[in-house]
Amino acid sequence: MTRKILMLCGDYAEDYETMVPFQALQAVGHTVHAVAPDKKAGDWIHTAIHDFEGAQTYSEKPGHRFTLNANFSDVRPEAYDALVIPGGRAPEYLRLNARVVEIARHFLATDKPVASVCHGAQLLAVTGLLKGRKVSAYPACQPEVELAGAEYMNIPVDQAVTDRNLVSAPAWPAHPAWIAQFLRVLGTRIEG
């Protein structure tokens, strides 16, 4: 079953957390529209590569320019089957945009599939719809997840958690688990 998926992006989204699900979801036949506020198809965003190198937090290096393939101004959330929120610093900015919050709220309120990784939980927290949910995120987001009334799932960095329609993970090392769980929630069957 082919799904139409919206990916909410912004400058300094984490490179892997943007590129990998964008490509993987298309590879299994889904349509993915990557958008960012005030941008149109053909525009690009900066990405950042976050790595875990033994410091108290992640390091950050410049990533690739990620080209958007749809117009933010054309987004009608009811036309999409699912939502993907990459992490990085973008969610910190995206959560300040009322239209972005309204879009994210639509997916949670209608129980459509949502995949959030790393700092994506910052955007989900401001929707007001996380109360009682189980959510993983980058550890620095734990206070926001808990203030939103959710249970922060402190899982290994390479794992993911599914709570009904919401699939979340702490960071890009979780891609195999996170994407596999999201595909299950989407009802995607891979045969071969």
N, C-alpha and C. Protein backbone atom coordinates (compact mmCIF):
# COMPACT_ATOMS: atom_id res chain seq x y z
N MET A 1 0.85 -1.18 0.00
CA MET A 1 0.00 0.00 0.00
C MET A 1 0.89 1.24 0.00
N THR A 2 0.72 2.07 -0.99
CA THR A 2 1.50 3.30 -1.10
C THR A 2 0.89 4.37 -0.21
N ARG A 3 1.73 5.06 0.52
CA ARG A 3 1.29 6.13 1.40
C ARG A 3 1.88 7.46 0.94
N LYS A 4 1.18 8.53 1.26
CA LYS A 4 1.66 9.89 1.00
C LYS A 4 2.11 10.45 2.34
N ILE A 5 3.41 10.74 2.44
CA ILE A 5 4.02 11.10 3.72
C ILE A 5 4.57 12.52 3.66
N LEU A 6 4.31 13.29 4.70
CA LEU A 6 4.84 14.64 4.83
C LEU A 6 6.05 14.62 5.76
N MET A 7 7.13 15.27 5.33
CA MET A 7 8.33 15.41 6.16
C MET A 7 8.51 16.89 6.46
N LEU A 8 8.44 17.26 7.75
CA LEU A 8 8.62 18.65 8.17
C LEU A 8 10.10 18.92 8.44
N CYS A 9 10.68 19.79 7.64
CA CYS A 9 12.11 20.09 7.72
C CYS A 9 12.34 21.54 8.10
N GLY A 10 13.57 21.84 8.42
CA GLY A 10 14.00 23.20 8.69
C GLY A 10 15.51 23.22 8.65
N ASP A 11 16.07 24.40 8.57
CA ASP A 11 17.53 24.50 8.55
C ASP A 11 18.13 23.84 9.77
N TYR A 12 19.22 23.15 9.53
CA TYR A 12 20.00 22.43 10.53
C TYR A 12 19.27 21.23 11.12
N ALA A 13 18.37 20.67 10.29
CA ALA A 13 17.87 19.34 10.61
C ALA A 13 19.08 18.41 10.55
N GLU A 14 19.04 17.34 11.33
CA GLU A 14 20.16 16.41 11.32
C GLU A 14 20.20 15.72 9.96
N ASP A 15 21.36 15.71 9.35
CA ASP A 15 21.56 15.21 7.99
C ASP A 15 21.01 13.80 7.80
N TYR A 16 21.50 12.83 8.59
CA TYR A 16 21.07 11.44 8.43
C TYR A 16 19.59 11.28 8.73
N GLU A 17 19.10 12.01 9.73
CA GLU A 17 17.70 11.87 10.13
C GLU A 17 16.74 12.47 9.12
N THR A 18 17.28 13.22 8.17
CA THR A 18 16.49 13.76 7.08
C THR A 18 16.65 12.88 5.84
N MET A 19 17.89 12.69 5.43
CA MET A 19 18.18 11.96 4.18
C MET A 19 17.72 10.50 4.22
N VAL A 20 18.07 9.79 5.28
CA VAL A 20 17.81 8.35 5.31
C VAL A 20 16.32 8.02 5.25
N PRO A 21 15.46 8.58 6.12
CA PRO A 21 14.04 8.23 5.99
C PRO A 21 13.42 8.74 4.68
N PHE A 22 13.88 9.90 4.21
CA PHE A 22 13.37 10.43 2.94
C PHE A 22 13.61 9.42 1.83
N GLN A 23 14.82 8.90 1.75
CA GLN A 23 15.17 7.95 0.70
C GLN A 23 14.57 6.57 0.96
N ALA A 24 14.62 6.09 2.20
CA ALA A 24 14.13 4.75 2.52
C ALA A 24 12.63 4.63 2.27
N LEU A 25 11.88 5.64 2.65
CA LEU A 25 10.43 5.58 2.45
C LEU A 25 10.07 5.61 0.96
N GLN A 26 10.83 6.35 0.18
CA GLN A 26 10.61 6.34 -1.27
C GLN A 26 11.02 4.99 -1.87
N ALA A 27 12.08 4.41 -1.35
CA ALA A 27 12.58 3.14 -1.88
C ALA A 27 11.55 2.02 -1.76
N VAL A 28 10.69 2.10 -0.76
CA VAL A 28 9.66 1.07 -0.60
C VAL A 28 8.33 1.48 -1.23
N GLY A 29 8.34 2.56 -2.00
CA GLY A 29 7.18 2.93 -2.79
C GLY A 29 6.31 4.06 -2.29
N HIS A 30 6.66 4.65 -1.17
CA HIS A 30 5.85 5.75 -0.65
C HIS A 30 6.23 7.07 -1.32
N THR A 31 5.30 7.99 -1.35
CA THR A 31 5.55 9.35 -1.82
C THR A 31 5.88 10.18 -0.59
N VAL A 32 7.00 10.89 -0.63
CA VAL A 32 7.42 11.71 0.50
C VAL A 32 7.57 13.15 0.02
N HIS A 33 6.85 14.05 0.65
CA HIS A 33 6.97 15.48 0.37
C HIS A 33 7.75 16.13 1.51
N ALA A 34 8.94 16.62 1.21
CA ALA A 34 9.78 17.32 2.19
C ALA A 34 9.54 18.82 2.04
N VAL A 35 9.13 19.46 3.13
CA VAL A 35 8.80 20.88 3.11
C VAL A 35 9.46 21.59 4.29
N ALA A 36 9.58 22.91 4.17
CA ALA A 36 10.08 23.76 5.26
C ALA A 36 9.35 25.10 5.17
N PRO A 37 9.09 25.72 6.32
CA PRO A 37 8.41 27.02 6.31
C PRO A 37 9.12 28.02 5.40
N ASP A 38 8.32 28.79 4.69
CA ASP A 38 8.80 29.86 3.82
C ASP A 38 9.66 29.35 2.67
N LYS A 39 9.55 28.07 2.33
CA LYS A 39 10.34 27.50 1.23
C LYS A 39 9.40 26.80 0.25
N LYS A 40 9.91 26.65 -0.98
CA LYS A 40 9.14 25.97 -2.01
C LYS A 40 9.97 24.85 -2.62
N ALA A 41 9.33 24.03 -3.44
CA ALA A 41 10.04 22.93 -4.10
C ALA A 41 11.23 23.49 -4.86
N GLY A 42 12.37 22.82 -4.72
CA GLY A 42 13.60 23.27 -5.37
C GLY A 42 14.50 24.08 -4.46
N ASP A 43 13.93 24.68 -3.42
CA ASP A 43 14.76 25.36 -2.41
C ASP A 43 15.46 24.28 -1.59
N TRP A 44 16.46 24.68 -0.84
CA TRP A 44 17.18 23.72 -0.02
C TRP A 44 17.32 24.24 1.40
N ILE A 45 17.60 23.31 2.29
CA ILE A 45 17.89 23.64 3.68
C ILE A 45 19.31 23.16 3.99
N HIS A 46 19.93 23.77 4.97
CA HIS A 46 21.20 23.28 5.50
C HIS A 46 20.89 22.08 6.39
N THR A 47 21.78 21.11 6.40
CA THR A 47 21.67 20.05 7.39
C THR A 47 22.96 20.03 8.21
N ALA A 48 22.90 19.33 9.32
CA ALA A 48 24.06 19.21 10.20
C ALA A 48 24.27 17.74 10.53
N ILE A 49 25.52 17.35 10.64
CA ILE A 49 25.84 15.98 11.02
C ILE A 49 26.18 15.98 12.51
N HIS A 50 25.38 15.26 13.25
CA HIS A 50 25.61 15.13 14.69
C HIS A 50 26.25 13.78 14.95
N ASP A 51 27.29 13.80 15.76
CA ASP A 51 28.00 12.55 16.05
C ASP A 51 28.26 12.45 17.55
N PHE A 52 28.48 11.25 17.99
CA PHE A 52 28.68 10.96 19.39
C PHE A 52 30.14 10.57 19.56
N GLU A 53 30.94 11.52 20.05
CA GLU A 53 32.39 11.34 20.07
C GLU A 53 32.98 11.42 21.49
N GLY A 54 32.16 11.13 22.49
CA GLY A 54 32.65 11.08 23.86
C GLY A 54 32.48 12.35 24.67
N ALA A 55 31.98 13.42 24.06
CA ALA A 55 31.73 14.65 24.81
C ALA A 55 30.41 14.52 25.57
N GLN A 56 30.08 15.52 26.38
CA GLN A 56 28.84 15.47 27.14
C GLN A 56 27.61 15.54 26.25
N THR A 57 27.75 16.08 25.08
CA THR A 57 26.67 16.11 24.10
C THR A 57 27.26 15.76 22.75
N TYR A 58 26.46 15.80 21.71
CA TYR A 58 26.92 15.46 20.37
C TYR A 58 27.77 16.59 19.78
N SER A 59 28.60 16.22 18.81
CA SER A 59 29.33 17.24 18.05
C SER A 59 28.49 17.58 16.81
N GLU A 60 28.78 18.72 16.21
CA GLU A 60 28.02 19.13 15.04
C GLU A 60 28.98 19.59 13.94
N LYS A 61 28.75 19.04 12.74
CA LYS A 61 29.54 19.40 11.57
C LYS A 61 28.57 19.76 10.45
N PRO A 62 29.01 20.57 9.48
CA PRO A 62 28.12 20.88 8.36
C PRO A 62 27.72 19.62 7.60
N GLY A 63 26.47 19.56 7.21
CA GLY A 63 25.97 18.44 6.42
C GLY A 63 25.80 18.84 4.97
N HIS A 64 24.88 18.17 4.31
CA HIS A 64 24.59 18.43 2.91
C HIS A 64 23.50 19.48 2.77
N ARG A 65 23.39 20.03 1.60
CA ARG A 65 22.21 20.83 1.27
C ARG A 65 21.13 19.84 0.86
N PHE A 66 20.02 19.89 1.54
CA PHE A 66 18.90 18.98 1.25
C PHE A 66 17.85 19.74 0.47
N THR A 67 17.56 19.27 -0.74
CA THR A 67 16.61 19.94 -1.62
C THR A 67 15.19 19.50 -1.29
N LEU A 68 14.34 20.47 -1.06
CA LEU A 68 12.93 20.21 -0.77
C LEU A 68 12.20 19.90 -2.06
N ASN A 69 11.17 19.07 -1.99
CA ASN A 69 10.47 18.69 -3.22
C ASN A 69 8.99 19.07 -3.24
N ALA A 70 8.57 19.90 -2.30
CA ALA A 70 7.18 20.37 -2.27
C ALA A 70 7.14 21.75 -1.63
N ASN A 71 6.04 22.45 -1.84
CA ASN A 71 5.87 23.81 -1.33
C ASN A 71 5.20 23.77 0.04
N PHE A 72 5.80 24.41 1.02
CA PHE A 72 5.21 24.48 2.35
C PHE A 72 3.82 25.11 2.29
N SER A 73 3.68 26.16 1.48
CA SER A 73 2.40 26.88 1.41
C SER A 73 1.26 26.02 0.87
N ASP A 74 1.58 24.93 0.18
CA ASP A 74 0.56 24.06 -0.38
C ASP A 74 0.14 22.92 0.55
N VAL A 75 0.79 22.78 1.69
CA VAL A 75 0.53 21.64 2.57
C VAL A 75 -0.88 21.71 3.14
N ARG A 76 -1.61 20.62 2.94
CA ARG A 76 -2.91 20.40 3.54
C ARG A 76 -2.78 19.07 4.27
N PRO A 77 -2.64 19.09 5.60
CA PRO A 77 -2.33 17.85 6.33
C PRO A 77 -3.33 16.73 6.09
N GLU A 78 -4.58 17.07 5.84
CA GLU A 78 -5.59 16.03 5.61
C GLU A 78 -5.31 15.23 4.33
N ALA A 79 -4.47 15.75 3.44
CA ALA A 79 -4.13 15.05 2.20
C ALA A 79 -3.00 14.04 2.39
N TYR A 80 -2.42 13.98 3.60
CA TYR A 80 -1.29 13.08 3.86
C TYR A 80 -1.71 11.96 4.80
N ASP A 81 -1.04 10.83 4.62
CA ASP A 81 -1.31 9.66 5.45
C ASP A 81 -0.44 9.59 6.70
N ALA A 82 0.71 10.26 6.68
CA ALA A 82 1.66 10.14 7.79
C ALA A 82 2.59 11.34 7.83
N LEU A 83 3.30 11.47 8.95
CA LEU A 83 4.21 12.59 9.18
C LEU A 83 5.55 12.07 9.68
N VAL A 84 6.65 12.66 9.18
CA VAL A 84 7.99 12.38 9.67
C VAL A 84 8.60 13.69 10.15
N ILE A 85 9.18 13.65 11.38
CA ILE A 85 9.84 14.82 11.94
C ILE A 85 11.30 14.46 12.23
N PRO A 86 12.23 14.90 11.38
CA PRO A 86 13.64 14.67 11.66
C PRO A 86 14.09 15.51 12.85
N GLY A 87 15.18 15.09 13.46
CA GLY A 87 15.71 15.83 14.60
C GLY A 87 16.72 16.87 14.19
N GLY A 88 17.68 17.10 15.06
CA GLY A 88 18.64 18.17 14.85
C GLY A 88 18.12 19.44 15.50
N ARG A 89 18.63 20.57 15.06
CA ARG A 89 18.19 21.83 15.65
C ARG A 89 16.92 22.37 15.02
N ALA A 90 16.49 21.83 13.89
CA ALA A 90 15.30 22.33 13.20
C ALA A 90 14.05 22.34 14.07
N PRO A 91 13.74 21.27 14.84
CA PRO A 91 12.52 21.31 15.64
C PRO A 91 12.45 22.46 16.64
N GLU A 92 13.61 22.90 17.13
CA GLU A 92 13.65 24.05 18.03
C GLU A 92 13.05 25.28 17.35
N TYR A 93 13.35 25.44 16.06
CA TYR A 93 12.82 26.53 15.27
C TYR A 93 11.39 26.24 14.82
N LEU A 94 11.14 25.04 14.36
CA LEU A 94 9.82 24.69 13.82
C LEU A 94 8.72 24.85 14.86
N ARG A 95 9.01 24.57 16.12
CA ARG A 95 7.98 24.62 17.17
C ARG A 95 7.50 26.04 17.43
N LEU A 96 8.19 27.04 16.90
CA LEU A 96 7.79 28.43 17.05
C LEU A 96 6.87 28.90 15.92
N ASN A 97 6.65 28.05 14.93
CA ASN A 97 5.82 28.39 13.78
C ASN A 97 4.42 27.82 13.99
N ALA A 98 3.44 28.67 14.15
CA ALA A 98 2.07 28.23 14.47
C ALA A 98 1.52 27.28 13.41
N ARG A 99 1.82 27.51 12.16
CA ARG A 99 1.31 26.63 11.09
C ARG A 99 1.94 25.24 11.20
N VAL A 100 3.22 25.17 11.49
CA VAL A 100 3.89 23.88 11.65
C VAL A 100 3.27 23.12 12.83
N VAL A 101 3.04 23.80 13.93
CA VAL A 101 2.44 23.16 15.11
C VAL A 101 1.04 22.66 14.77
N GLU A 102 0.28 23.45 14.03
CA GLU A 102 -1.06 23.05 13.61
C GLU A 102 -1.01 21.78 12.74
N ILE A 103 -0.03 21.72 11.86
CA ILE A 103 0.13 20.53 11.00
C ILE A 103 0.46 19.31 11.85
N ALA A 104 1.44 19.44 12.74
CA ALA A 104 1.81 18.31 13.61
C ALA A 104 0.64 17.88 14.48
N ARG A 105 -0.10 18.85 15.00
CA ARG A 105 -1.26 18.56 15.85
C ARG A 105 -2.29 17.72 15.07
N HIS A 106 -2.49 18.05 13.80
CA HIS A 106 -3.46 17.30 12.97
C HIS A 106 -3.15 15.81 12.98
N PHE A 107 -1.87 15.46 12.78
CA PHE A 107 -1.51 14.04 12.69
C PHE A 107 -1.71 13.31 14.01
N LEU A 108 -1.37 13.95 15.12
CA LEU A 108 -1.58 13.33 16.42
C LEU A 108 -3.06 13.23 16.75
N ALA A 109 -3.81 14.28 16.47
CA ALA A 109 -5.23 14.32 16.81
C ALA A 109 -6.05 13.32 16.00
N THR A 110 -5.61 13.02 14.79
CA THR A 110 -6.35 12.10 13.93
C THR A 110 -5.77 10.68 13.96
N ASP A 111 -4.79 10.45 14.83
CA ASP A 111 -4.14 9.14 14.97
C ASP A 111 -3.51 8.63 13.68
N LYS A 112 -3.04 9.55 12.85
CA LYS A 112 -2.28 9.14 11.67
C LYS A 112 -0.86 8.80 12.11
N PRO A 113 -0.16 7.94 11.38
CA PRO A 113 1.21 7.58 11.76
C PRO A 113 2.14 8.79 11.81
N VAL A 114 2.94 8.84 12.88
CA VAL A 114 3.93 9.90 13.08
C VAL A 114 5.24 9.24 13.47
N ALA A 115 6.33 9.65 12.80
CA ALA A 115 7.67 9.19 13.15
C ALA A 115 8.48 10.41 13.57
N SER A 116 9.02 10.36 14.77
CA SER A 116 9.81 11.46 15.31
C SER A 116 11.11 10.89 15.84
N VAL A 117 12.21 11.58 15.53
CA VAL A 117 13.51 11.11 15.99
C VAL A 117 14.26 12.28 16.63
N CYS A 118 15.05 11.98 17.64
CA CYS A 118 15.96 12.95 18.25
C CYS A 118 15.19 14.14 18.83
N HIS A 119 15.48 15.34 18.37
CA HIS A 119 14.84 16.55 18.87
C HIS A 119 13.45 16.79 18.27
N GLY A 120 12.97 15.88 17.43
CA GLY A 120 11.62 16.00 16.89
C GLY A 120 10.57 16.10 17.98
N ALA A 121 10.87 15.52 19.14
CA ALA A 121 9.94 15.57 20.27
C ALA A 121 9.67 16.99 20.73
N GLN A 122 10.59 17.92 20.46
CA GLN A 122 10.36 19.32 20.83
C GLN A 122 9.14 19.87 20.11
N LEU A 123 8.98 19.50 18.85
CA LEU A 123 7.81 19.94 18.10
C LEU A 123 6.56 19.23 18.60
N LEU A 124 6.64 17.94 18.82
CA LEU A 124 5.47 17.20 19.31
C LEU A 124 5.01 17.72 20.67
N ALA A 125 5.94 18.10 21.53
CA ALA A 125 5.59 18.56 22.87
C ALA A 125 4.69 19.79 22.85
N VAL A 126 4.92 20.69 21.91
CA VAL A 126 4.12 21.93 21.90
C VAL A 126 2.73 21.73 21.29
N THR A 127 2.43 20.55 20.77
CA THR A 127 1.09 20.31 20.24
C THR A 127 0.06 20.16 21.34
N GLY A 128 0.52 19.84 22.56
CA GLY A 128 -0.39 19.61 23.66
C GLY A 128 -1.06 18.24 23.61
N LEU A 129 -0.57 17.34 22.74
CA LEU A 129 -1.22 16.05 22.55
C LEU A 129 -0.34 14.85 22.90
N LEU A 130 0.65 15.05 23.75
CA LEU A 130 1.52 13.93 24.14
C LEU A 130 1.14 13.32 25.48
N LYS A 131 0.20 13.91 26.18
CA LYS A 131 -0.15 13.44 27.52
C LYS A 131 -0.48 11.95 27.50
N GLY A 132 0.20 11.21 28.38
CA GLY A 132 -0.05 9.78 28.51
C GLY A 132 0.65 8.91 27.47
N ARG A 133 1.38 9.51 26.56
CA ARG A 133 2.07 8.75 25.51
C ARG A 133 3.46 8.34 25.97
N LYS A 134 4.03 7.32 25.33
CA LYS A 134 5.40 6.90 25.55
C LYS A 134 6.22 7.45 24.40
N VAL A 135 7.25 8.25 24.73
CA VAL A 135 8.02 8.95 23.71
C VAL A 135 9.51 8.84 24.01
N SER A 136 10.27 8.50 22.99
CA SER A 136 11.72 8.55 23.08
C SER A 136 12.19 9.79 22.33
N ALA A 137 13.37 10.26 22.69
CA ALA A 137 13.95 11.45 22.06
C ALA A 137 15.40 11.52 22.51
N TYR A 138 16.13 12.47 21.95
CA TYR A 138 17.48 12.70 22.43
C TYR A 138 17.37 13.03 23.92
N PRO A 139 18.26 12.50 24.76
CA PRO A 139 18.13 12.68 26.22
C PRO A 139 17.93 14.12 26.68
N ALA A 140 18.50 15.09 26.00
CA ALA A 140 18.33 16.49 26.41
C ALA A 140 16.89 16.97 26.26
N CYS A 141 16.06 16.22 25.55
CA CYS A 141 14.66 16.58 25.38
C CYS A 141 13.75 15.96 26.43
N GLN A 142 14.30 15.17 27.33
CA GLN A 142 13.50 14.51 28.36
C GLN A 142 12.63 15.49 29.14
N PRO A 143 13.16 16.64 29.59
CA PRO A 143 12.29 17.56 30.35
C PRO A 143 11.08 18.04 29.55
N GLU A 144 11.26 18.32 28.26
CA GLU A 144 10.13 18.79 27.45
C GLU A 144 9.10 17.69 27.25
N VAL A 145 9.57 16.46 27.03
CA VAL A 145 8.66 15.33 26.87
C VAL A 145 7.84 15.15 28.15
N GLU A 146 8.50 15.20 29.30
CA GLU A 146 7.80 15.01 30.57
C GLU A 146 6.89 16.18 30.90
N LEU A 147 7.31 17.40 30.59
CA LEU A 147 6.44 18.57 30.82
C LEU A 147 5.19 18.52 29.95
N ALA A 148 5.28 17.82 28.82
CA ALA A 148 4.13 17.66 27.93
C ALA A 148 3.20 16.55 28.42
N GLY A 149 3.58 15.89 29.52
CA GLY A 149 2.73 14.85 30.10
C GLY A 149 2.98 13.46 29.56
N ALA A 150 4.05 13.28 28.79
CA ALA A 150 4.39 11.97 28.24
C ALA A 150 5.39 11.26 29.14
N GLU A 151 5.50 9.97 28.96
CA GLU A 151 6.51 9.19 29.66
C GLU A 151 7.74 9.12 28.76
N TYR A 152 8.85 9.67 29.24
CA TYR A 152 10.08 9.63 28.47
C TYR A 152 10.65 8.22 28.52
N MET A 153 10.89 7.65 27.36
CA MET A 153 11.43 6.30 27.26
C MET A 153 12.94 6.39 27.08
N ASN A 154 13.66 6.07 28.13
CA ASN A 154 15.12 6.13 28.11
C ASN A 154 15.65 4.81 27.57
N ILE A 155 15.71 4.71 26.25
CA ILE A 155 16.10 3.47 25.58
C ILE A 155 17.48 3.64 24.94
N PRO A 156 18.15 2.55 24.59
CA PRO A 156 19.45 2.67 23.92
C PRO A 156 19.33 3.49 22.63
N VAL A 157 20.42 4.15 22.27
CA VAL A 157 20.44 5.06 21.13
C VAL A 157 20.12 4.38 19.81
N ASP A 158 20.22 3.05 19.76
CA ASP A 158 19.94 2.33 18.52
C ASP A 158 18.58 1.63 18.53
N GLN A 159 17.70 2.04 19.45
CA GLN A 159 16.37 1.44 19.56
C GLN A 159 15.29 2.48 19.30
N ALA A 160 14.06 2.00 19.15
CA ALA A 160 12.90 2.88 18.94
C ALA A 160 11.74 2.34 19.76
N VAL A 161 10.72 3.16 19.92
CA VAL A 161 9.53 2.76 20.66
C VAL A 161 8.30 3.16 19.86
N THR A 162 7.29 2.28 19.88
CA THR A 162 6.02 2.57 19.21
C THR A 162 4.93 2.65 20.26
N ASP A 163 4.18 3.74 20.22
CA ASP A 163 3.00 3.92 21.08
C ASP A 163 1.84 4.24 20.14
N ARG A 164 1.04 3.22 19.86
CA ARG A 164 -0.07 3.32 18.89
C ARG A 164 0.47 3.80 17.53
N ASN A 165 0.16 5.04 17.16
CA ASN A 165 0.54 5.58 15.86
C ASN A 165 1.87 6.33 15.88
N LEU A 166 2.47 6.48 17.05
CA LEU A 166 3.67 7.29 17.20
C LEU A 166 4.91 6.42 17.37
N VAL A 167 5.87 6.60 16.47
CA VAL A 167 7.14 5.88 16.54
C VAL A 167 8.22 6.92 16.81
N SER A 168 9.01 6.70 17.86
CA SER A 168 10.03 7.68 18.22
C SER A 168 11.33 6.97 18.59
N ALA A 169 12.42 7.72 18.44
CA ALA A 169 13.75 7.17 18.70
C ALA A 169 14.68 8.29 19.16
N PRO A 170 15.78 7.91 19.87
CA PRO A 170 16.69 8.92 20.40
C PRO A 170 17.59 9.61 19.39
N ALA A 171 17.99 8.93 18.32
CA ALA A 171 18.93 9.53 17.37
C ALA A 171 19.11 8.61 16.16
N TRP A 172 19.90 9.09 15.19
CA TRP A 172 20.07 8.36 13.93
C TRP A 172 20.60 6.93 14.06
N PRO A 173 21.36 6.54 15.09
CA PRO A 173 21.75 5.14 15.16
C PRO A 173 20.55 4.19 15.25
N ALA A 174 19.38 4.71 15.56
CA ALA A 174 18.17 3.89 15.66
C ALA A 174 17.46 3.69 14.32
N HIS A 175 18.01 4.21 13.24
CA HIS A 175 17.30 4.10 11.96
C HIS A 175 16.76 2.71 11.65
N PRO A 176 17.52 1.62 11.77
CA PRO A 176 16.94 0.32 11.43
C PRO A 176 15.68 0.02 12.25
N ALA A 177 15.73 0.23 13.55
CA ALA A 177 14.56 -0.05 14.40
C ALA A 177 13.45 0.96 14.15
N TRP A 178 13.79 2.23 14.06
CA TRP A 178 12.81 3.31 13.89
C TRP A 178 12.06 3.19 12.56
N ILE A 179 12.79 2.99 11.49
CA ILE A 179 12.15 2.88 10.18
C ILE A 179 11.35 1.59 10.08
N ALA A 180 11.87 0.48 10.62
CA ALA A 180 11.12 -0.77 10.59
C ALA A 180 9.80 -0.65 11.34
N GLN A 181 9.83 -0.03 12.52
CA GLN A 181 8.59 0.14 13.29
C GLN A 181 7.63 1.08 12.59
N PHE A 182 8.16 2.14 11.98
CA PHE A 182 7.29 3.07 11.25
C PHE A 182 6.64 2.37 10.06
N LEU A 183 7.39 1.55 9.35
CA LEU A 183 6.82 0.81 8.22
C LEU A 183 5.70 -0.11 8.68
N ARG A 184 5.85 -0.73 9.86
CA ARG A 184 4.77 -1.56 10.39
C ARG A 184 3.52 -0.73 10.68
N VAL A 185 3.72 0.44 11.30
CA VAL A 185 2.59 1.31 11.61
C VAL A 185 1.91 1.78 10.31
N LEU A 186 2.70 2.02 9.28
CA LEU A 186 2.14 2.41 7.97
C LEU A 186 1.42 1.28 7.27
N GLY A 187 1.67 0.03 7.70
CA GLY A 187 1.10 -1.12 7.02
C GLY A 187 1.88 -1.53 5.79
N THR A 188 3.13 -1.09 5.71
CA THR A 188 3.97 -1.39 4.55
C THR A 188 4.46 -2.83 4.64
N ARG A 189 4.31 -3.56 3.56
CA ARG A 189 4.81 -4.93 3.49
C ARG A 189 5.94 -4.97 2.48
N ILE A 190 7.04 -5.54 2.90
CA ILE A 190 8.19 -5.69 2.00
C ILE A 190 8.37 -7.17 1.75
N GLU A 191 8.31 -7.54 0.50
CA GLU A 191 8.46 -8.93 0.14
C GLU A 191 9.69 -9.11 -0.71
N GLY A 192 10.32 -10.24 -0.58
CA GLY A 192 11.49 -10.45 -1.43
C GLY A 192 12.25 -11.68 -1.08
